[in-house]
Amino acid sequence: MAIEENNSAVEILTDLNTKLKDLDEKNSLLNEKTLLLGQSFLKQEERIMKEMAILKDGLRELRNDFDRLKEGVNHIIHESSNFARKEELKVLDRYMKIWEPLKFVKEDEVKKMISEAIKK
């Protein structure tokens, strides 16, 4: 019986040793996975930080462009007060039709016409 109890104790110790080795392997695997996840997390964080920096630069450029556009629009609005209105252009058009500037004669042309008329 002592031999059977000895065999039984050896079997229990062997079984416990096997389970302890299995747990140790599982613990090692979990540690490796944790390490890999940590490294992956750090790489992701670095990539995201770079992308955020790029996005911030792009946003800054967009804001600058928007500010320049706003200044341009304000300048155009300010300058538009100096433009001639449609009614003013119509008045000028009527005056041009009344005066008919193409029918104006230069002084030297009038002198030439008079001298030609005298010669005849």
N, C-alpha and C. Protein backbone atom coordinates (compact mmCIF):
# COMPACT_ATOMS: atom_id res chain seq x y z
N MET A 1 0.77 -1.18 0.00
CA MET A 1 0.00 0.00 0.00
C MET A 1 0.83 1.27 0.00
N ALA A 2 1.91 1.19 0.62
CA ALA A 2 2.78 2.33 0.64
C ALA A 2 3.28 2.64 -0.76
N ILE A 3 3.46 1.57 -1.55
CA ILE A 3 3.92 1.77 -2.92
C ILE A 3 2.80 2.41 -3.72
N GLU A 4 1.57 1.96 -3.48
CA GLU A 4 0.43 2.53 -4.20
C GLU A 4 0.25 3.98 -3.82
N GLU A 5 0.39 4.31 -2.55
CA GLU A 5 0.27 5.69 -2.12
C GLU A 5 1.40 6.52 -2.71
N ASN A 6 2.59 5.92 -2.78
CA ASN A 6 3.73 6.59 -3.39
C ASN A 6 3.47 6.86 -4.87
N ASN A 7 2.94 5.85 -5.56
CA ASN A 7 2.62 6.00 -6.99
C ASN A 7 1.54 7.06 -7.17
N SER A 8 0.55 7.04 -6.28
CA SER A 8 -0.53 8.01 -6.35
C SER A 8 0.01 9.42 -6.12
N ALA A 9 0.90 9.59 -5.15
CA ALA A 9 1.49 10.90 -4.87
C ALA A 9 2.36 11.36 -6.05
N VAL A 10 3.08 10.43 -6.67
CA VAL A 10 3.91 10.74 -7.82
C VAL A 10 3.03 11.18 -8.98
N GLU A 11 1.93 10.47 -9.19
CA GLU A 11 1.00 10.83 -10.27
C GLU A 11 0.43 12.23 -10.02
N ILE A 12 0.05 12.51 -8.78
CA ILE A 12 -0.51 13.83 -8.45
C ILE A 12 0.54 14.91 -8.68
N LEU A 13 1.77 14.66 -8.23
CA LEU A 13 2.84 15.64 -8.43
C LEU A 13 3.16 15.82 -9.91
N THR A 14 3.15 14.72 -10.65
CA THR A 14 3.41 14.80 -12.10
C THR A 14 2.30 15.60 -12.77
N ASP A 15 1.07 15.33 -12.38
CA ASP A 15 -0.09 16.05 -12.95
C ASP A 15 0.00 17.54 -12.60
N LEU A 16 0.33 17.83 -11.33
CA LEU A 16 0.48 19.23 -10.92
C LEU A 16 1.62 19.90 -11.67
N ASN A 17 2.71 19.19 -11.87
CA ASN A 17 3.86 19.73 -12.59
C ASN A 17 3.48 20.04 -14.04
N THR A 18 2.71 19.13 -14.67
CA THR A 18 2.26 19.34 -16.05
C THR A 18 1.34 20.56 -16.12
N LYS A 19 0.39 20.65 -15.18
CA LYS A 19 -0.52 21.81 -15.16
C LYS A 19 0.24 23.10 -14.91
N LEU A 20 1.23 23.05 -14.02
CA LEU A 20 2.04 24.24 -13.74
C LEU A 20 2.82 24.68 -14.98
N LYS A 21 3.38 23.71 -15.73
CA LYS A 21 4.10 24.04 -16.98
C LYS A 21 3.13 24.64 -18.00
N ASP A 22 1.90 24.07 -18.12
CA ASP A 22 0.90 24.61 -19.04
C ASP A 22 0.54 26.05 -18.66
N LEU A 23 0.33 26.28 -17.37
CA LEU A 23 0.01 27.64 -16.92
C LEU A 23 1.17 28.59 -17.17
N ASP A 24 2.37 28.11 -16.99
CA ASP A 24 3.54 28.94 -17.24
C ASP A 24 3.64 29.29 -18.73
N GLU A 25 3.37 28.32 -19.62
CA GLU A 25 3.36 28.58 -21.07
C GLU A 25 2.28 29.58 -21.44
N LYS A 26 1.08 29.39 -20.86
CA LYS A 26 -0.02 30.32 -21.13
C LYS A 26 0.34 31.72 -20.66
N ASN A 27 0.97 31.80 -19.50
CA ASN A 27 1.40 33.09 -18.96
C ASN A 27 2.43 33.73 -19.89
N SER A 28 3.38 32.94 -20.39
CA SER A 28 4.39 33.46 -21.32
C SER A 28 3.73 33.95 -22.60
N LEU A 29 2.77 33.17 -23.12
CA LEU A 29 2.07 33.58 -24.34
C LEU A 29 1.29 34.87 -24.12
N LEU A 30 0.62 34.97 -22.97
CA LEU A 30 -0.12 36.19 -22.66
C LEU A 30 0.82 37.39 -22.53
N ASN A 31 1.99 37.16 -21.93
CA ASN A 31 2.97 38.25 -21.83
C ASN A 31 3.44 38.69 -23.21
N GLU A 32 3.69 37.75 -24.10
CA GLU A 32 4.12 38.07 -25.46
C GLU A 32 3.02 38.84 -26.20
N LYS A 33 1.78 38.36 -26.04
CA LYS A 33 0.65 39.03 -26.70
C LYS A 33 0.49 40.44 -26.16
N THR A 34 0.65 40.59 -24.85
CA THR A 34 0.54 41.91 -24.24
C THR A 34 1.64 42.82 -24.76
N LEU A 35 2.84 42.30 -24.88
CA LEU A 35 3.95 43.08 -25.41
C LEU A 35 3.68 43.49 -26.86
N LEU A 36 3.19 42.53 -27.67
CA LEU A 36 2.88 42.84 -29.08
C LEU A 36 1.76 43.88 -29.17
N LEU A 37 0.75 43.74 -28.32
CA LEU A 37 -0.34 44.72 -28.33
C LEU A 37 0.17 46.10 -27.93
N GLY A 38 1.05 46.13 -26.94
CA GLY A 38 1.63 47.41 -26.53
C GLY A 38 2.42 48.06 -27.66
N GLN A 39 3.22 47.25 -28.35
CA GLN A 39 4.01 47.77 -29.47
C GLN A 39 3.09 48.24 -30.59
N SER A 40 2.06 47.45 -30.86
CA SER A 40 1.10 47.83 -31.89
C SER A 40 0.40 49.13 -31.52
N PHE A 41 0.04 49.24 -30.25
CA PHE A 41 -0.62 50.45 -29.77
C PHE A 41 0.29 51.66 -29.95
N LEU A 42 1.56 51.51 -29.61
CA LEU A 42 2.50 52.62 -29.75
C LEU A 42 2.67 53.03 -31.21
N LYS A 43 2.73 52.04 -32.11
CA LYS A 43 2.84 52.36 -33.54
C LYS A 43 1.59 53.08 -34.03
N GLN A 44 0.42 52.60 -33.61
CA GLN A 44 -0.84 53.24 -34.00
C GLN A 44 -0.88 54.67 -33.47
N GLU A 45 -0.47 54.84 -32.21
CA GLU A 45 -0.49 56.16 -31.61
C GLU A 45 0.43 57.10 -32.38
N GLU A 46 1.61 56.63 -32.75
CA GLU A 46 2.56 57.44 -33.50
C GLU A 46 1.98 57.82 -34.86
N ARG A 47 1.36 56.84 -35.53
CA ARG A 47 0.76 57.10 -36.84
C ARG A 47 -0.37 58.12 -36.72
N ILE A 48 -1.19 57.95 -35.69
CA ILE A 48 -2.32 58.87 -35.50
C ILE A 48 -1.83 60.28 -35.18
N MET A 49 -0.78 60.37 -34.38
CA MET A 49 -0.23 61.69 -34.04
C MET A 49 0.31 62.39 -35.30
N LYS A 50 0.96 61.62 -36.18
CA LYS A 50 1.45 62.20 -37.44
C LYS A 50 0.29 62.68 -38.30
N GLU A 51 -0.75 61.86 -38.39
CA GLU A 51 -1.92 62.24 -39.18
C GLU A 51 -2.58 63.49 -38.59
N MET A 52 -2.66 63.55 -37.27
CA MET A 52 -3.25 64.73 -36.63
C MET A 52 -2.42 65.98 -36.92
N ALA A 53 -1.11 65.84 -36.93
CA ALA A 53 -0.25 66.99 -37.24
C ALA A 53 -0.49 67.45 -38.68
N ILE A 54 -0.61 66.48 -39.59
CA ILE A 54 -0.89 66.82 -40.99
C ILE A 54 -2.24 67.51 -41.11
N LEU A 55 -3.23 66.98 -40.42
CA LEU A 55 -4.57 67.58 -40.46
C LEU A 55 -4.57 68.99 -39.87
N LYS A 56 -3.82 69.18 -38.79
CA LYS A 56 -3.73 70.52 -38.20
C LYS A 56 -3.10 71.50 -39.18
N ASP A 57 -2.03 71.06 -39.88
CA ASP A 57 -1.41 71.93 -40.88
C ASP A 57 -2.39 72.26 -42.00
N GLY A 58 -3.12 71.24 -42.45
CA GLY A 58 -4.11 71.47 -43.50
C GLY A 58 -5.20 72.43 -43.04
N LEU A 59 -5.64 72.27 -41.81
CA LEU A 59 -6.67 73.16 -41.27
C LEU A 59 -6.14 74.58 -41.16
N ARG A 60 -4.88 74.72 -40.75
CA ARG A 60 -4.28 76.05 -40.65
C ARG A 60 -4.22 76.70 -42.03
N GLU A 61 -3.84 75.92 -43.05
CA GLU A 61 -3.80 76.45 -44.42
C GLU A 61 -5.19 76.86 -44.89
N LEU A 62 -6.18 76.03 -44.57
CA LEU A 62 -7.56 76.36 -44.97
C LEU A 62 -8.02 77.65 -44.30
N ARG A 63 -7.68 77.80 -43.03
CA ARG A 63 -8.06 79.04 -42.33
C ARG A 63 -7.39 80.24 -42.97
N ASN A 64 -6.11 80.10 -43.31
CA ASN A 64 -5.41 81.21 -43.96
C ASN A 64 -6.04 81.53 -45.31
N ASP A 65 -6.36 80.50 -46.09
CA ASP A 65 -7.01 80.72 -47.38
C ASP A 65 -8.36 81.39 -47.20
N PHE A 66 -9.11 80.94 -46.20
CA PHE A 66 -10.42 81.52 -45.93
C PHE A 66 -10.28 82.99 -45.55
N ASP A 67 -9.29 83.30 -44.72
CA ASP A 67 -9.07 84.69 -44.32
C ASP A 67 -8.71 85.55 -45.53
N ARG A 68 -7.86 85.01 -46.42
CA ARG A 68 -7.50 85.76 -47.63
C ARG A 68 -8.72 85.97 -48.52
N LEU A 69 -9.56 84.94 -48.64
CA LEU A 69 -10.77 85.08 -49.44
C LEU A 69 -11.70 86.13 -48.85
N LYS A 70 -11.82 86.10 -47.53
CA LYS A 70 -12.67 87.08 -46.85
C LYS A 70 -12.16 88.49 -47.10
N GLU A 71 -10.84 88.67 -47.01
CA GLU A 71 -10.25 89.99 -47.28
C GLU A 71 -10.53 90.41 -48.72
N GLY A 72 -10.39 89.47 -49.65
CA GLY A 72 -10.65 89.78 -51.06
C GLY A 72 -12.09 90.18 -51.29
N VAL A 73 -13.01 89.45 -50.69
CA VAL A 73 -14.44 89.77 -50.84
C VAL A 73 -14.72 91.14 -50.24
N ASN A 74 -14.16 91.41 -49.07
CA ASN A 74 -14.36 92.73 -48.44
C ASN A 74 -13.79 93.83 -49.31
N HIS A 75 -12.63 93.58 -49.93
CA HIS A 75 -12.03 94.57 -50.83
C HIS A 75 -12.93 94.81 -52.04
N ILE A 76 -13.46 93.74 -52.61
CA ILE A 76 -14.35 93.88 -53.76
C ILE A 76 -15.61 94.65 -53.37
N ILE A 77 -16.15 94.33 -52.20
CA ILE A 77 -17.35 95.04 -51.73
C ILE A 77 -17.03 96.52 -51.56
N HIS A 78 -15.88 96.82 -50.98
CA HIS A 78 -15.49 98.21 -50.77
C HIS A 78 -15.30 98.92 -52.12
N GLU A 79 -14.65 98.25 -53.06
CA GLU A 79 -14.39 98.85 -54.36
C GLU A 79 -15.66 98.95 -55.21
N SER A 80 -16.64 98.11 -54.93
CA SER A 80 -17.85 98.13 -55.76
C SER A 80 -18.60 99.45 -55.63
N SER A 81 -18.37 100.17 -54.54
CA SER A 81 -19.02 101.48 -54.41
C SER A 81 -18.46 102.46 -55.44
N ASN A 82 -17.29 102.19 -55.97
CA ASN A 82 -16.69 103.07 -56.99
C ASN A 82 -17.14 102.71 -58.41
N PHE A 83 -17.80 101.59 -58.57
CA PHE A 83 -18.25 101.17 -59.90
C PHE A 83 -19.43 102.02 -60.35
N ALA A 84 -19.57 102.15 -61.67
CA ALA A 84 -20.72 102.88 -62.22
C ALA A 84 -21.94 101.98 -62.18
N ARG A 85 -23.06 102.58 -61.84
CA ARG A 85 -24.30 101.82 -61.77
C ARG A 85 -24.91 101.73 -63.17
N LYS A 86 -25.81 100.81 -63.35
CA LYS A 86 -26.44 100.58 -64.65
C LYS A 86 -27.13 101.85 -65.16
N GLU A 87 -27.82 102.54 -64.26
CA GLU A 87 -28.53 103.76 -64.65
C GLU A 87 -27.55 104.84 -65.11
N GLU A 88 -26.42 104.94 -64.43
CA GLU A 88 -25.41 105.93 -64.81
C GLU A 88 -24.86 105.62 -66.20
N LEU A 89 -24.66 104.33 -66.49
CA LEU A 89 -24.17 103.94 -67.82
C LEU A 89 -25.20 104.25 -68.90
N LYS A 90 -26.48 104.10 -68.57
CA LYS A 90 -27.52 104.43 -69.55
C LYS A 90 -27.53 105.92 -69.85
N VAL A 91 -27.33 106.73 -68.80
CA VAL A 91 -27.29 108.19 -69.01
C VAL A 91 -26.11 108.54 -69.91
N LEU A 92 -24.94 107.96 -69.64
CA LEU A 92 -23.77 108.22 -70.48
C LEU A 92 -24.02 107.77 -71.92
N ASP A 93 -24.68 106.65 -72.09
CA ASP A 93 -24.99 106.15 -73.43
C ASP A 93 -25.89 107.14 -74.18
N ARG A 94 -26.88 107.69 -73.48
CA ARG A 94 -27.77 108.68 -74.13
C ARG A 94 -26.98 109.91 -74.56
N TYR A 95 -26.10 110.39 -73.68
CA TYR A 95 -25.28 111.56 -74.03
C TYR A 95 -24.39 111.27 -75.23
N MET A 96 -23.84 110.09 -75.29
CA MET A 96 -22.97 109.73 -76.41
C MET A 96 -23.79 109.73 -77.72
N LYS A 97 -25.03 109.25 -77.62
CA LYS A 97 -25.85 109.24 -78.84
C LYS A 97 -26.23 110.65 -79.26
N ILE A 98 -26.44 111.54 -78.28
CA ILE A 98 -26.80 112.92 -78.59
C ILE A 98 -25.61 113.64 -79.22
N TRP A 99 -24.45 113.51 -78.65
CA TRP A 99 -23.27 114.21 -79.13
C TRP A 99 -22.72 113.63 -80.42
N GLU A 100 -22.85 112.35 -80.62
CA GLU A 100 -22.29 111.65 -81.76
C GLU A 100 -20.83 112.05 -81.97
N PRO A 101 -19.96 111.63 -81.08
CA PRO A 101 -18.56 112.07 -81.13
C PRO A 101 -17.84 111.65 -82.40
N LEU A 102 -18.33 110.65 -83.09
CA LEU A 102 -17.67 110.25 -84.33
C LEU A 102 -17.86 111.30 -85.43
N LYS A 103 -18.85 112.16 -85.27
CA LYS A 103 -19.09 113.20 -86.28
C LYS A 103 -18.36 114.49 -85.96
N PHE A 104 -17.65 114.56 -84.86
CA PHE A 104 -16.86 115.73 -84.52
C PHE A 104 -15.72 115.85 -85.51
N VAL A 105 -15.36 117.08 -85.81
CA VAL A 105 -14.30 117.35 -86.78
C VAL A 105 -13.17 118.06 -86.04
N LYS A 106 -11.96 117.69 -86.39
CA LYS A 106 -10.80 118.35 -85.78
C LYS A 106 -10.61 119.72 -86.43
N GLU A 107 -9.95 120.61 -85.73
CA GLU A 107 -9.74 121.99 -86.19
C GLU A 107 -8.98 122.03 -87.51
N ASP A 108 -7.94 121.19 -87.60
CA ASP A 108 -7.16 121.22 -88.84
C ASP A 108 -7.97 120.67 -90.02
N GLU A 109 -8.91 119.75 -89.73
CA GLU A 109 -9.76 119.24 -90.80
C GLU A 109 -10.71 120.34 -91.30
N VAL A 110 -11.23 121.15 -90.37
CA VAL A 110 -12.12 122.26 -90.74
C VAL A 110 -11.35 123.27 -91.59
N LYS A 111 -10.13 123.59 -91.19
CA LYS A 111 -9.32 124.54 -91.96
C LYS A 111 -9.06 124.01 -93.37
N LYS A 112 -8.80 122.70 -93.44
CA LYS A 112 -8.54 122.07 -94.73
C LYS A 112 -9.79 122.14 -95.61
N MET A 113 -10.95 121.87 -95.00
CA MET A 113 -12.21 121.91 -95.77
C MET A 113 -12.49 123.34 -96.26
N ILE A 114 -12.19 124.35 -95.42
CA ILE A 114 -12.41 125.76 -95.80
C ILE A 114 -11.49 126.15 -96.95
N SER A 115 -10.24 125.76 -96.81
CA SER A 115 -9.28 126.13 -97.87
C SER A 115 -9.65 125.43 -99.18
N GLU A 116 -10.16 124.20 -99.12
CA GLU A 116 -10.58 123.52 -100.34
C GLU A 116 -11.81 124.21 -100.94
N ALA A 117 -12.70 124.64 -100.08
CA ALA A 117 -13.90 125.32 -100.56
C ALA A 117 -13.53 126.66 -101.22
N ILE A 118 -12.55 127.36 -100.67
CA ILE A 118 -12.12 128.65 -101.23
C ILE A 118 -11.46 128.42 -102.58
N LYS A 119 -10.67 127.38 -102.70
CA LYS A 119 -10.00 127.10 -103.95
C LYS A 119 -11.00 126.79 -105.06
N LYS A 120 -12.09 126.23 -104.74
CA LYS A 120 -13.06 125.86 -105.75
C LYS A 120 -13.80 127.09 -106.17
